[in-house]
Amino acid sequence: MPQKPHSIVKPTLDTPFHIDFSWWQEHDRDWRVYLRTLLCEEHRKQFEGWDDETPVDWVDPETAEVRPVDGLQFVVMTHCSQQPGFLTAGVPMVDSVFRVLIANGNRPMSVAEIAEHLGKPLQARTLLRTLGRRRSYLGIRPAEK
């Protein structure tokens, strides 16, 4: 499947980014396999061998909008992302961005907001240089308006 064309507009610090799950299909990758690596120890044991893809209802705490999300994503968002060590200095930058976006319900966030969540507001320009390229990493792309 051909890769989605990127906008010809160059992203800025205020451009919202999100995880485009279709990128995973386009690259013949299963995002749920990657999501399992984000589970805390408690849930890693609970979800061992679990393949149910039934969505669960999640209430966005900012908008009160009810959205269906994958069960694994729900557990990562509501529990695992709150555990110590979910965002640590040893996690590669793009993986950290993925974790921030997942923890926030994949709500589009600007690079400046992501950098703030990572506790690295001074690295926003570095994030932008990485995320603003034509090549997408882990499906992280500018959100369509």
Protein backbone atom coordinates (compact mmCIF):
# COMPACT_ATOMS: atom_id res chain seq x y z
CA MET A 1 0.00 0.00 0.00
CA PRO A 2 1.47 3.40 -0.88
CA GLN A 3 2.47 5.73 1.91
CA LYS A 4 0.20 8.69 2.58
CA PRO A 5 1.55 11.88 1.09
CA HIS A 6 2.64 14.43 3.62
CA SER A 7 1.49 17.99 3.50
CA ILE A 8 3.76 20.35 1.63
CA VAL A 9 3.44 22.72 4.59
CA LYS A 10 6.45 22.38 6.85
CA PRO A 11 5.42 21.53 10.44
CA THR A 12 6.10 24.08 13.18
CA LEU A 13 6.32 23.86 16.97
CA ASP A 14 2.55 24.39 17.02
CA THR A 15 1.67 21.72 14.45
CA PRO A 16 -0.38 18.98 16.16
CA PHE A 17 0.93 15.43 15.82
CA HIS A 18 -0.79 12.11 16.50
CA ILE A 19 -0.27 8.40 15.92
CA ASP A 20 -1.67 7.41 12.54
CA PHE A 21 -2.57 3.76 13.06
CA SER A 22 -2.94 3.22 9.30
CA TRP A 23 0.86 3.70 9.07
CA TRP A 24 1.27 0.42 10.94
CA GLN A 25 -0.87 -1.41 8.36
CA GLU A 26 0.94 0.29 5.48
CA HIS A 27 4.24 -1.03 6.88
CA ASP A 28 2.84 -4.49 7.66
CA ARG A 29 3.35 -3.99 11.38
CA ASP A 30 1.01 -4.67 14.29
CA TRP A 31 0.79 -1.70 16.64
CA ARG A 32 -0.77 -3.92 19.31
CA VAL A 33 2.47 -5.94 19.49
CA TYR A 34 4.35 -2.71 20.13
CA LEU A 35 1.68 -1.60 22.62
CA ARG A 36 2.26 -4.78 24.64
CA THR A 37 5.83 -3.63 25.28
CA LEU A 38 4.37 -0.60 27.08
CA LEU A 39 2.39 -2.68 29.58
CA CYS A 40 3.53 -2.55 33.19
CA GLU A 41 4.64 -5.80 34.83
CA GLU A 42 1.22 -6.37 36.41
CA HIS A 43 -0.63 -6.07 33.12
CA ARG A 44 2.01 -7.92 31.11
CA LYS A 45 1.11 -11.01 33.13
CA GLN A 46 -2.65 -10.34 32.90
CA PHE A 47 -2.63 -9.89 29.13
CA GLU A 48 -0.26 -12.72 28.27
CA GLY A 49 -1.79 -14.57 25.31
CA TRP A 50 -4.75 -12.16 25.17
CA ASP A 51 -5.79 -11.31 21.61
CA ASP A 52 -9.20 -9.73 22.13
CA GLU A 53 -9.49 -6.60 19.99
CA THR A 54 -12.89 -5.57 21.34
CA PRO A 55 -12.87 -1.82 21.92
CA VAL A 56 -13.83 -0.31 25.25
CA ASP A 57 -15.40 3.09 25.84
CA TRP A 58 -12.99 5.73 27.07
CA VAL A 59 -14.08 9.15 28.31
CA ASP A 60 -11.65 11.87 27.31
CA PRO A 61 -10.98 13.74 30.57
CA GLU A 62 -10.60 17.09 28.75
CA THR A 63 -13.56 16.99 26.38
CA ALA A 64 -15.85 14.40 28.06
CA GLU A 65 -16.15 12.82 24.61
CA VAL A 66 -16.71 9.05 24.74
CA ARG A 67 -14.54 7.22 22.21
CA PRO A 68 -13.98 3.54 21.58
CA VAL A 69 -10.33 2.53 22.10
CA ASP A 70 -8.49 -0.75 21.94
CA GLY A 71 -8.51 -2.61 25.28
CA LEU A 72 -4.70 -2.71 25.46
CA GLN A 73 -4.54 0.99 24.69
CA PHE A 74 -7.09 1.66 27.45
CA VAL A 75 -4.96 -0.20 30.03
CA VAL A 76 -1.79 1.61 28.94
CA MET A 77 -3.58 4.99 29.01
CA THR A 78 -5.34 4.59 32.35
CA HIS A 79 -2.84 2.57 34.37
CA CYS A 80 0.54 1.69 32.88
CA SER A 81 1.33 5.23 31.74
CA GLN A 82 0.84 6.39 35.33
CA GLN A 83 3.52 4.01 36.67
CA PRO A 84 7.05 5.16 37.54
CA GLY A 85 9.42 4.42 34.70
CA PHE A 86 6.90 4.79 31.88
CA LEU A 87 8.70 7.93 30.71
CA THR A 88 12.35 7.66 31.65
CA ALA A 89 15.55 9.15 30.33
CA GLY A 90 16.61 5.79 28.86
CA VAL A 91 13.66 5.60 26.45
CA PRO A 92 14.52 6.70 22.88
CA MET A 93 13.02 10.04 21.85
CA VAL A 94 10.50 8.75 19.29
CA ASP A 95 9.36 6.00 21.66
CA SER A 96 8.87 8.66 24.35
CA VAL A 97 6.72 10.71 21.97
CA PHE A 98 4.64 7.60 21.17
CA ARG A 99 4.19 7.00 24.91
CA VAL A 100 3.08 10.59 25.53
CA LEU A 101 0.56 10.44 22.69
CA ILE A 102 -0.84 7.07 23.84
CA ALA A 103 -1.02 8.25 27.46
CA ASN A 104 -3.04 11.26 26.27
CA GLY A 105 -5.52 9.21 24.27
CA ASN A 106 -3.73 9.94 20.99
CA ARG A 107 -5.21 13.43 21.13
CA PRO A 108 -3.23 15.59 18.68
CA MET A 109 -0.52 17.52 20.51
CA SER A 110 1.94 20.12 19.33
CA VAL A 111 5.66 19.42 19.53
CA ALA A 112 5.89 22.10 22.22
CA GLU A 113 3.22 20.30 24.29
CA ILE A 114 4.92 16.93 23.81
CA ALA A 115 8.28 18.37 24.87
CA GLU A 116 6.62 19.85 27.96
CA HIS A 117 5.11 16.45 28.87
CA LEU A 118 8.55 14.90 28.49
CA GLY A 119 9.96 17.52 30.85
CA LYS A 120 12.23 18.73 28.06
CA PRO A 121 10.74 21.99 26.79
CA LEU A 122 14.13 23.11 25.49
CA GLN A 123 14.27 20.08 23.17
CA ALA A 124 11.11 20.99 21.26
CA ARG A 125 13.11 22.04 18.18
CA THR A 126 15.01 18.72 18.20
CA LEU A 127 11.67 16.89 18.35
CA LEU A 128 10.36 19.00 15.49
CA ARG A 129 13.39 18.19 13.31
CA THR A 130 12.77 14.49 13.90
CA LEU A 131 8.98 14.42 13.63
CA GLY A 132 8.76 17.00 10.84
CA ARG A 133 10.62 14.87 8.30
CA ARG A 134 8.97 13.17 5.39
CA ARG A 135 9.62 9.79 7.02
CA SER A 136 7.22 8.82 9.80
CA TYR A 137 8.44 7.01 12.88
CA LEU A 138 6.01 4.68 14.68
CA GLY A 139 3.17 6.30 12.72
CA ILE A 140 3.69 9.69 14.36
CA ARG A 141 2.49 12.23 11.80
CA PRO A 142 0.98 15.69 11.68
CA ALA A 143 -2.71 15.42 12.46
CA GLU A 144 -5.08 16.31 9.64
CA LYS A 145 -7.37 19.19 10.45
